[in-house]
Amino acid sequence: MKQFFIALLLLVSFVGYSQDSHLGLNMGPSFPIGDFSKSDDYKTQGYAQPGFNLSFAGNYIPTWYFGIGGALVFGTNFPNQDSMLSGLINELREMEALPEIPEEVDASFTIGNWSYVNVMVGPTFSYPAGKLQFNLKALIGMSIVMPPTQTLNLMYDNNTISGYSDTQNVSFCYDFGTDIILKLSGSYSLIFGVDYFHSSTEYDVEIGYNDNQLPAISRKIEINTVHTTVGFAYLL
């Protein structure tokens, strides 16, 4: 019986010292970093430029300062089309099965964007300071990565070289970030966030020469971005 009352007292204390849980909708720019932003190696670098990030996130803080958080995130980054075309042509020049590609060549090249959808969950540390609440989070989960679609056609000296990719894959991902919640009237708040995100992808670009199918060019890209967001939160 004594142990029961001690446990009950601890539970009441936990609830009494619990912080505000929240649900929030945040958005803001997405900045590629590391090899994801570089444009020197077609096989391992992403040629990515700043893009956009949208997240529906929240946390549940039942006891003192610790709880659990989760996020559903959509992100997109715009690739550097001219640099990616140059990188792909440089890879084609290394293929022995192809005739020499001149410096000036008639090229048609279209690409899409980097896109990814992430579902993540993990521990959250929360600290209140008046109308402010500071959150630190470490989330892990799965990411559906959609690399830029690529369609290439080179025509010169009665030769036609084509390249094509349109794929997606599921990869492990993680996110480290911090939120600052500014409490307004009632249950509504503003939320400001900064996050570091990592995932990866591997895929092939199919290559054709006239009527022949050549070995594909394999790409393995590490996706690293920093997101800064602002949005609205509803305190639970």
Protein backbone atom coordinates (compact mmCIF):
# COMPACT_ATOMS: atom_id res chain seq x y z
CA MET A 1 0.00 0.00 0.00
CA LYS A 2 2.85 2.38 0.83
CA GLN A 3 4.38 1.77 -2.59
CA PHE A 4 0.98 2.52 -4.20
CA PHE A 5 0.72 5.95 -2.55
CA ILE A 6 4.32 6.76 -3.47
CA ALA A 7 3.60 5.88 -7.12
CA LEU A 8 0.39 7.94 -7.03
CA LEU A 9 2.27 10.91 -5.58
CA LEU A 10 4.92 10.65 -8.29
CA LEU A 11 2.23 10.49 -10.99
CA VAL A 12 0.52 13.62 -9.64
CA SER A 13 3.89 15.35 -9.47
CA PHE A 14 4.64 14.40 -13.08
CA VAL A 15 1.36 15.83 -14.29
CA GLY A 16 1.80 18.94 -12.21
CA TYR A 17 5.21 19.65 -13.69
CA SER A 18 4.35 18.64 -17.23
CA GLN A 19 4.96 21.17 -20.01
CA ASP A 20 2.60 22.20 -22.76
CA SER A 21 2.31 19.65 -25.53
CA HIS A 22 1.57 21.02 -28.99
CA LEU A 23 0.62 20.41 -32.60
CA GLY A 24 2.05 22.77 -35.21
CA LEU A 25 2.15 23.56 -38.91
CA ASN A 26 5.49 25.03 -39.98
CA MET A 27 7.04 26.12 -43.26
CA GLY A 28 10.17 27.81 -44.52
CA PRO A 29 13.27 27.53 -46.72
CA SER A 30 15.39 24.40 -47.06
CA PHE A 31 19.15 24.87 -47.53
CA PRO A 32 21.24 22.00 -48.97
CA ILE A 33 24.66 21.48 -47.41
CA GLY A 34 27.67 19.20 -47.97
CA ASP A 35 27.82 17.04 -51.09
CA PHE A 36 24.10 17.51 -51.62
CA SER A 37 24.77 21.14 -52.62
CA LYS A 38 27.98 20.53 -54.62
CA SER A 39 28.21 20.17 -58.39
CA ASP A 40 31.62 18.61 -59.14
CA ASP A 41 30.83 14.87 -59.23
CA TYR A 42 27.72 13.65 -61.02
CA LYS A 43 27.73 10.24 -59.30
CA THR A 44 27.93 11.41 -55.67
CA GLN A 45 26.77 15.03 -55.49
CA GLY A 46 23.28 16.45 -55.61
CA TYR A 47 23.57 19.78 -57.49
CA ALA A 48 20.83 20.96 -55.12
CA GLN A 49 19.88 24.58 -54.52
CA PRO A 50 17.69 26.14 -51.80
CA GLY A 51 14.11 24.96 -51.74
CA PHE A 52 11.07 24.73 -49.48
CA ASN A 53 10.04 22.75 -46.41
CA LEU A 54 6.57 22.10 -44.94
CA SER A 55 6.00 20.10 -41.77
CA PHE A 56 3.15 19.01 -39.54
CA ALA A 57 4.77 18.29 -36.20
CA GLY A 58 4.00 17.97 -32.55
CA ASN A 59 5.13 16.68 -29.20
CA TYR A 60 3.65 15.16 -26.08
CA ILE A 61 5.36 16.17 -22.81
CA PRO A 62 3.66 14.19 -20.02
CA THR A 63 6.32 14.37 -17.31
CA TRP A 64 8.59 17.20 -16.20
CA TYR A 65 10.79 18.10 -19.19
CA PHE A 66 10.82 14.92 -21.29
CA GLY A 67 8.42 13.56 -23.86
CA ILE A 68 8.08 12.27 -27.38
CA GLY A 69 7.77 14.15 -30.66
CA GLY A 70 6.85 13.33 -34.23
CA ALA A 71 6.77 14.99 -37.62
CA LEU A 72 5.40 14.53 -41.13
CA VAL A 73 7.63 16.57 -43.43
CA PHE A 74 7.56 17.45 -47.12
CA GLY A 75 10.70 18.99 -48.59
CA THR A 76 11.85 20.00 -52.04
CA ASN A 77 15.09 21.42 -53.47
CA PHE A 78 15.68 22.77 -56.94
CA PRO A 79 18.67 21.32 -58.85
CA ASN A 80 21.11 23.40 -60.89
CA GLN A 81 20.08 22.29 -64.38
CA ASP A 82 23.08 23.64 -66.31
CA SER A 83 25.63 22.16 -63.90
CA MET A 84 23.84 18.79 -63.83
CA LEU A 85 23.79 18.67 -67.64
CA SER A 86 27.53 19.35 -67.74
CA GLY A 87 28.14 16.65 -65.13
CA LEU A 88 26.09 14.08 -67.04
CA ILE A 89 27.83 14.85 -70.34
CA ASN A 90 31.21 14.50 -68.62
CA GLU A 91 30.19 11.03 -67.44
CA LEU A 92 29.13 10.12 -70.98
CA ARG A 93 32.54 11.20 -72.29
CA GLU A 94 34.12 8.59 -69.98
CA MET A 95 32.11 5.73 -71.55
CA GLU A 96 34.24 3.77 -74.04
CA ALA A 97 31.19 2.52 -75.95
CA LEU A 98 30.36 6.05 -77.08
CA PRO A 99 32.07 8.05 -79.83
CA GLU A 100 33.80 11.27 -78.84
CA ILE A 101 31.32 13.95 -77.81
CA PRO A 102 32.28 17.42 -79.12
CA GLU A 103 32.45 20.43 -76.81
CA GLU A 104 29.57 22.10 -78.64
CA VAL A 105 26.70 19.64 -78.97
CA ASP A 106 22.96 19.97 -79.51
CA ALA A 107 21.45 18.90 -76.17
CA SER A 108 17.88 18.68 -74.93
CA PHE A 109 17.76 18.23 -71.15
CA THR A 110 14.80 18.46 -68.77
CA ILE A 111 14.82 17.75 -65.03
CA GLY A 112 12.46 17.80 -62.09
CA ASN A 113 13.11 18.69 -58.45
CA TRP A 114 14.48 16.86 -55.46
CA SER A 115 11.50 15.88 -53.29
CA TYR A 116 11.15 13.86 -50.10
CA VAL A 117 8.41 12.95 -47.64
CA ASN A 118 9.53 12.00 -44.13
CA VAL A 119 7.75 10.35 -41.22
CA MET A 120 9.78 10.57 -38.00
CA VAL A 121 9.43 10.11 -34.26
CA GLY A 122 11.76 10.45 -31.27
CA PRO A 123 12.49 11.93 -27.84
CA THR A 124 11.93 15.60 -27.01
CA PHE A 125 13.33 17.76 -24.21
CA SER A 126 11.22 20.79 -23.29
CA TYR A 127 12.05 23.75 -21.03
CA PRO A 128 9.56 26.53 -20.15
CA ALA A 129 10.55 30.16 -19.62
CA GLY A 130 7.52 32.39 -19.10
CA LYS A 131 5.71 32.78 -22.40
CA LEU A 132 8.48 30.89 -24.18
CA GLN A 133 8.99 27.16 -24.42
CA PHE A 134 12.26 25.69 -25.77
CA ASN A 135 12.23 22.22 -27.34
CA LEU A 136 15.13 20.02 -28.39
CA LYS A 137 14.36 16.92 -30.48
CA ALA A 138 16.10 13.94 -32.05
CA LEU A 139 13.89 12.11 -34.54
CA ILE A 140 14.38 9.03 -36.70
CA GLY A 141 12.15 7.49 -39.34
CA MET A 142 11.65 6.72 -42.99
CA SER A 143 11.93 8.99 -46.01
CA ILE A 144 10.39 8.54 -49.44
CA VAL A 145 13.03 10.15 -51.67
CA MET A 146 12.14 11.24 -55.21
CA PRO A 147 15.29 12.31 -57.11
CA PRO A 148 14.94 14.71 -60.02
CA THR A 149 13.56 13.09 -63.14
CA GLN A 150 16.05 13.47 -66.00
CA THR A 151 15.52 13.26 -69.75
CA LEU A 152 18.50 13.83 -72.04
CA ASN A 153 18.92 13.75 -75.82
CA LEU A 154 22.24 14.50 -77.56
CA MET A 155 22.40 14.63 -81.35
CA TYR A 156 25.61 15.02 -83.37
CA ASP A 157 27.23 13.42 -86.47
CA ASN A 158 24.21 11.18 -87.03
CA ASN A 159 24.52 9.89 -83.46
CA THR A 160 21.80 10.02 -80.82
CA ILE A 161 22.55 9.53 -77.12
CA SER A 162 19.73 9.42 -74.58
CA GLY A 163 19.57 9.40 -70.81
CA TYR A 164 16.56 8.84 -68.57
CA SER A 165 15.70 8.38 -64.90
CA ASP A 166 12.40 8.53 -63.01
CA THR A 167 12.39 6.68 -59.71
CA GLN A 168 11.87 6.85 -55.97
CA ASN A 169 13.03 4.84 -52.98
CA VAL A 170 12.50 4.53 -49.23
CA SER A 171 15.47 5.34 -47.00
CA PHE A 172 16.29 5.72 -43.32
CA CYS A 173 16.38 9.36 -42.16
CA TYR A 174 17.02 11.39 -39.04
CA ASP A 175 16.50 14.94 -37.84
CA PHE A 176 18.05 17.00 -35.04
CA GLY A 177 16.36 20.29 -34.27
CA THR A 178 15.12 22.92 -31.88
CA ASP A 179 11.83 24.82 -31.58
CA ILE A 180 10.97 28.02 -29.75
CA ILE A 181 7.29 28.41 -28.95
CA LEU A 182 5.93 31.89 -28.17
CA LYS A 183 2.63 31.57 -26.36
CA LEU A 184 -0.12 33.93 -27.49
CA SER A 185 -3.63 34.24 -26.11
CA GLY A 186 -5.56 31.09 -25.37
CA SER A 187 -4.11 27.88 -26.74
CA TYR A 188 -2.44 29.42 -29.78
CA SER A 189 1.25 30.09 -30.25
CA LEU A 190 3.88 30.99 -32.78
CA ILE A 191 6.60 28.44 -33.36
CA PHE A 192 10.08 29.00 -34.80
CA GLY A 193 12.33 26.09 -35.71
CA VAL A 194 15.73 25.09 -37.05
CA ASP A 195 16.43 21.49 -38.10
CA TYR A 196 19.27 19.46 -39.58
CA PHE A 197 17.99 16.62 -41.79
CA HIS A 198 19.77 13.62 -43.34
CA SER A 199 18.72 10.87 -45.73
CA SER A 200 20.16 9.22 -48.85
CA THR A 201 19.25 7.68 -52.20
CA GLU A 202 20.71 5.37 -54.84
CA TYR A 203 19.41 5.09 -58.39
CA ASP A 204 20.44 4.54 -62.02
CA VAL A 205 20.30 6.79 -65.05
CA GLU A 206 19.56 4.65 -68.12
CA ILE A 207 21.76 5.40 -71.16
CA GLY A 208 20.95 4.65 -74.81
CA TYR A 209 23.12 5.02 -77.92
CA ASN A 210 21.23 4.99 -81.23
CA ASP A 211 19.29 1.70 -80.91
CA ASN A 212 21.50 0.17 -78.21
CA GLN A 213 21.09 0.09 -74.44
CA LEU A 214 24.35 0.85 -72.59
CA PRO A 215 25.28 0.28 -68.92
CA ALA A 216 23.48 2.70 -66.63
CA ILE A 217 25.20 5.44 -64.64
CA SER A 218 24.71 4.79 -60.92
CA ARG A 219 24.25 7.68 -58.51
CA LYS A 220 24.55 7.52 -54.71
CA ILE A 221 23.61 10.80 -53.04
CA GLU A 222 23.70 11.78 -49.36
CA ILE A 223 20.89 14.27 -48.68
CA ASN A 224 21.78 16.86 -46.03
CA THR A 225 19.74 20.00 -45.46
CA VAL A 226 19.11 22.70 -42.88
CA HIS A 227 15.51 23.84 -42.52
CA THR A 228 14.39 27.09 -40.93
CA THR A 229 10.66 27.31 -40.28
CA VAL A 230 7.97 29.49 -38.79
CA GLY A 231 4.37 28.54 -38.13
CA PHE A 232 1.45 28.24 -35.76
CA ALA A 233 1.10 25.82 -32.86
CA TYR A 234 -1.91 24.72 -30.87
CA LEU A 235 -1.12 23.92 -27.24
CA LEU A 236 -2.82 20.79 -25.94
